[in-house]
Amino acid sequence: MNKEERTLRRHRKEVNLLAGISVREGESYESFMRRFRRACEKAAVLRDYKRHQFYEKPSEKRKRKIIEARRRAWRRHQKERY
């Protein structure tokens, strides 16, 4: 799949598809969908989509980032304890 095929034109903007997966020869539909879902999770496509559904004020964005950083630090601390 080349770059032109992975690029989608929407409202005069180019949007690069993050989870470009090609079907392997002889691959079942279930295994393809499993790989596709995993690739979407890794690329955080759904999380990004949900976050951009509504406008987020800059103060809310800062607060969310601080909370995420605290959560990451707490998880890192918990890993080190055990």
N, C-alpha and C. Protein backbone atom coordinates (compact mmCIF):
# COMPACT_ATOMS: atom_id res chain seq x y z
N MET A 1 0.85 -1.18 0.00
CA MET A 1 0.00 0.00 0.00
C MET A 1 0.90 1.24 0.00
N ASN A 2 0.80 2.07 -1.03
CA ASN A 2 1.65 3.24 -1.09
C ASN A 2 1.01 4.42 -0.34
N LYS A 3 1.75 5.51 -0.28
CA LYS A 3 1.31 6.66 0.52
C LYS A 3 0.01 7.26 0.00
N GLU A 4 -0.16 7.29 -1.31
CA GLU A 4 -1.38 7.86 -1.88
C GLU A 4 -2.61 7.06 -1.50
N GLU A 5 -2.45 5.73 -1.44
CA GLU A 5 -3.58 4.90 -1.06
C GLU A 5 -3.92 5.06 0.41
N ARG A 6 -2.92 5.36 1.25
CA ARG A 6 -3.18 5.50 2.67
C ARG A 6 -3.67 6.89 3.04
N THR A 7 -3.67 7.79 2.09
CA THR A 7 -4.08 9.15 2.37
C THR A 7 -5.51 9.36 1.90
N LEU A 8 -6.31 9.93 2.75
CA LEU A 8 -7.70 10.16 2.46
C LEU A 8 -7.93 11.66 2.38
N ARG A 9 -8.58 12.10 1.30
CA ARG A 9 -8.87 13.53 1.19
C ARG A 9 -10.27 13.78 1.73
N ARG A 10 -10.34 14.68 2.70
CA ARG A 10 -11.62 15.01 3.30
C ARG A 10 -11.67 16.52 3.54
N HIS A 11 -12.62 17.19 2.93
CA HIS A 11 -12.80 18.63 3.08
C HIS A 11 -11.51 19.40 2.80
N ARG A 12 -10.86 19.03 1.72
CA ARG A 12 -9.62 19.66 1.26
C ARG A 12 -8.47 19.53 2.25
N LYS A 13 -8.58 18.59 3.18
CA LYS A 13 -7.50 18.30 4.12
C LYS A 13 -7.01 16.90 3.83
N GLU A 14 -5.74 16.67 4.03
CA GLU A 14 -5.21 15.32 3.90
C GLU A 14 -5.14 14.71 5.29
N VAL A 15 -5.77 13.58 5.44
CA VAL A 15 -5.76 12.88 6.72
C VAL A 15 -5.05 11.56 6.51
N ASN A 16 -3.95 11.34 7.19
CA ASN A 16 -3.19 10.12 7.05
C ASN A 16 -3.83 9.04 7.92
N LEU A 17 -4.15 7.92 7.32
CA LEU A 17 -4.74 6.81 8.07
C LEU A 17 -3.64 6.16 8.89
N LEU A 18 -3.82 6.16 10.21
CA LEU A 18 -2.77 5.70 11.09
C LEU A 18 -2.63 4.18 11.11
N ALA A 19 -3.73 3.49 10.95
CA ALA A 19 -3.69 2.03 11.04
C ALA A 19 -3.84 1.43 9.65
N GLY A 20 -2.81 1.52 8.84
CA GLY A 20 -2.85 0.95 7.50
C GLY A 20 -2.45 -0.52 7.55
N ILE A 21 -3.42 -1.41 7.41
CA ILE A 21 -3.18 -2.84 7.50
C ILE A 21 -3.56 -3.46 6.16
N SER A 22 -2.70 -4.32 5.65
CA SER A 22 -3.03 -5.04 4.42
C SER A 22 -3.33 -6.49 4.75
N VAL A 23 -4.23 -7.08 3.97
CA VAL A 23 -4.63 -8.46 4.20
C VAL A 23 -3.55 -9.39 3.66
N ARG A 24 -3.16 -10.34 4.48
CA ARG A 24 -2.16 -11.33 4.07
C ARG A 24 -2.86 -12.42 3.26
N GLU A 25 -2.12 -13.03 2.38
CA GLU A 25 -2.70 -14.08 1.55
C GLU A 25 -3.09 -15.28 2.41
N GLY A 26 -4.32 -15.74 2.26
CA GLY A 26 -4.81 -16.89 3.01
C GLY A 26 -5.20 -16.56 4.44
N GLU A 27 -5.25 -15.27 4.78
CA GLU A 27 -5.58 -14.88 6.15
C GLU A 27 -7.09 -14.83 6.34
N SER A 28 -7.55 -15.32 7.48
CA SER A 28 -8.99 -15.30 7.74
C SER A 28 -9.43 -13.90 8.14
N TYR A 29 -10.73 -13.68 8.01
CA TYR A 29 -11.31 -12.38 8.34
C TYR A 29 -11.10 -12.07 9.83
N GLU A 30 -11.27 -13.07 10.68
CA GLU A 30 -11.15 -12.87 12.13
C GLU A 30 -9.74 -12.42 12.51
N SER A 31 -8.74 -13.08 11.94
CA SER A 31 -7.37 -12.71 12.29
C SER A 31 -7.02 -11.32 11.73
N PHE A 32 -7.55 -10.99 10.56
CA PHE A 32 -7.32 -9.65 10.02
C PHE A 32 -7.93 -8.59 10.92
N MET A 33 -9.19 -8.83 11.35
CA MET A 33 -9.85 -7.85 12.21
C MET A 33 -9.14 -7.74 13.55
N ARG A 34 -8.60 -8.84 14.06
CA ARG A 34 -7.87 -8.81 15.32
C ARG A 34 -6.61 -7.96 15.18
N ARG A 35 -5.89 -8.14 14.06
CA ARG A 35 -4.69 -7.32 13.82
C ARG A 35 -5.05 -5.86 13.63
N PHE A 36 -6.18 -5.60 12.93
CA PHE A 36 -6.61 -4.22 12.69
C PHE A 36 -6.97 -3.53 14.00
N ARG A 37 -7.72 -4.22 14.85
CA ARG A 37 -8.11 -3.63 16.15
C ARG A 37 -6.88 -3.34 17.01
N ARG A 38 -5.93 -4.28 17.01
CA ARG A 38 -4.71 -4.09 17.78
C ARG A 38 -3.93 -2.89 17.26
N ALA A 39 -3.87 -2.74 15.93
CA ALA A 39 -3.15 -1.60 15.34
C ALA A 39 -3.85 -0.30 15.69
N CYS A 40 -5.18 -0.31 15.69
CA CYS A 40 -5.93 0.90 16.07
C CYS A 40 -5.69 1.25 17.53
N GLU A 41 -5.64 0.25 18.39
CA GLU A 41 -5.36 0.50 19.80
C GLU A 41 -3.98 1.10 19.99
N LYS A 42 -3.00 0.53 19.29
CA LYS A 42 -1.62 1.05 19.40
C LYS A 42 -1.54 2.48 18.91
N ALA A 43 -2.25 2.78 17.84
CA ALA A 43 -2.20 4.12 17.27
C ALA A 43 -3.12 5.08 18.01
N ALA A 44 -3.91 4.59 18.97
CA ALA A 44 -4.83 5.39 19.77
C ALA A 44 -5.83 6.14 18.90
N VAL A 45 -6.33 5.48 17.88
CA VAL A 45 -7.26 6.11 16.95
C VAL A 45 -8.58 6.44 17.62
N LEU A 46 -9.16 5.47 18.32
CA LEU A 46 -10.46 5.71 18.95
C LEU A 46 -10.37 6.72 20.08
N ARG A 47 -9.31 6.64 20.87
CA ARG A 47 -9.14 7.60 21.97
C ARG A 47 -9.03 9.02 21.41
N ASP A 48 -8.27 9.16 20.34
CA ASP A 48 -8.10 10.46 19.71
C ASP A 48 -9.42 10.95 19.11
N TYR A 49 -10.16 10.05 18.50
CA TYR A 49 -11.45 10.41 17.92
C TYR A 49 -12.42 10.90 18.99
N LYS A 50 -12.50 10.16 20.09
CA LYS A 50 -13.41 10.55 21.17
C LYS A 50 -13.00 11.88 21.78
N ARG A 51 -11.70 12.09 21.90
CA ARG A 51 -11.22 13.34 22.51
C ARG A 51 -11.54 14.55 21.62
N HIS A 52 -11.60 14.34 20.32
CA HIS A 52 -11.85 15.46 19.42
C HIS A 52 -13.31 15.62 19.03
N GLN A 53 -14.21 14.82 19.62
CA GLN A 53 -15.62 14.97 19.30
C GLN A 53 -16.16 16.31 19.77
N PHE A 54 -15.67 16.79 20.92
CA PHE A 54 -16.14 18.05 21.48
C PHE A 54 -14.93 18.95 21.73
N TYR A 55 -15.20 20.25 21.77
CA TYR A 55 -14.12 21.20 22.02
C TYR A 55 -13.68 21.08 23.48
N GLU A 56 -12.39 21.07 23.67
CA GLU A 56 -11.83 21.00 25.01
C GLU A 56 -11.10 22.31 25.29
N LYS A 57 -11.54 23.00 26.33
CA LYS A 57 -10.91 24.26 26.66
C LYS A 57 -9.46 24.03 27.07
N PRO A 58 -8.59 25.02 26.84
CA PRO A 58 -7.18 24.85 27.21
C PRO A 58 -6.98 24.50 28.68
N SER A 59 -7.80 25.08 29.57
CA SER A 59 -7.67 24.76 31.00
C SER A 59 -8.04 23.31 31.26
N GLU A 60 -9.07 22.80 30.58
CA GLU A 60 -9.46 21.40 30.73
C GLU A 60 -8.37 20.48 30.19
N LYS A 61 -7.75 20.88 29.08
CA LYS A 61 -6.68 20.09 28.50
C LYS A 61 -5.48 20.00 29.45
N ARG A 62 -5.12 21.14 30.08
CA ARG A 62 -4.03 21.14 31.05
C ARG A 62 -4.34 20.23 32.23
N LYS A 63 -5.58 20.34 32.72
CA LYS A 63 -5.99 19.53 33.86
C LYS A 63 -5.93 18.04 33.51
N ARG A 64 -6.41 17.67 32.31
CA ARG A 64 -6.38 16.28 31.88
C ARG A 64 -4.96 15.76 31.78
N LYS A 65 -4.05 16.58 31.24
CA LYS A 65 -2.66 16.16 31.10
C LYS A 65 -2.00 15.97 32.46
N ILE A 66 -2.32 16.84 33.42
CA ILE A 66 -1.76 16.71 34.78
C ILE A 66 -2.25 15.41 35.42
N ILE A 67 -3.54 15.12 35.27
CA ILE A 67 -4.11 13.90 35.84
C ILE A 67 -3.47 12.67 35.20
N GLU A 68 -3.29 12.69 33.87
CA GLU A 68 -2.65 11.56 33.19
C GLU A 68 -1.22 11.37 33.66
N ALA A 69 -0.49 12.48 33.87
CA ALA A 69 0.90 12.39 34.33
C ALA A 69 0.95 11.79 35.74
N ARG A 70 0.01 12.21 36.61
CA ARG A 70 -0.05 11.64 37.96
C ARG A 70 -0.32 10.14 37.91
N ARG A 71 -1.25 9.75 37.03
CA ARG A 71 -1.60 8.33 36.91
C ARG A 71 -0.39 7.52 36.43
N ARG A 72 0.34 8.05 35.43
CA ARG A 72 1.52 7.35 34.94
C ARG A 72 2.59 7.23 36.03
N ALA A 73 2.79 8.32 36.79
CA ALA A 73 3.79 8.30 37.85
C ALA A 73 3.39 7.31 38.94
N TRP A 74 2.10 7.25 39.29
CA TRP A 74 1.63 6.32 40.30
C TRP A 74 1.85 4.88 39.85
N ARG A 75 1.52 4.60 38.57
CA ARG A 75 1.72 3.24 38.05
C ARG A 75 3.20 2.87 38.04
N ARG A 76 4.05 3.81 37.65
CA ARG A 76 5.49 3.56 37.65
C ARG A 76 5.97 3.26 39.06
N HIS A 77 5.46 4.03 40.04
CA HIS A 77 5.83 3.83 41.44
C HIS A 77 5.36 2.47 41.92
N GLN A 78 4.17 2.05 41.54
CA GLN A 78 3.64 0.74 41.95
C GLN A 78 4.47 -0.39 41.36
N LYS A 79 4.92 -0.23 40.12
CA LYS A 79 5.77 -1.25 39.49
C LYS A 79 7.09 -1.40 40.25
N GLU A 80 7.67 -0.29 40.67
CA GLU A 80 8.95 -0.31 41.35
C GLU A 80 8.85 -0.93 42.74
N ARG A 81 7.69 -0.81 43.37
CA ARG A 81 7.51 -1.35 44.72
C ARG A 81 7.55 -2.86 44.72
N TYR A 82 7.08 -3.50 43.66
CA TYR A 82 6.96 -4.96 43.64
C TYR A 82 7.97 -5.61 42.76
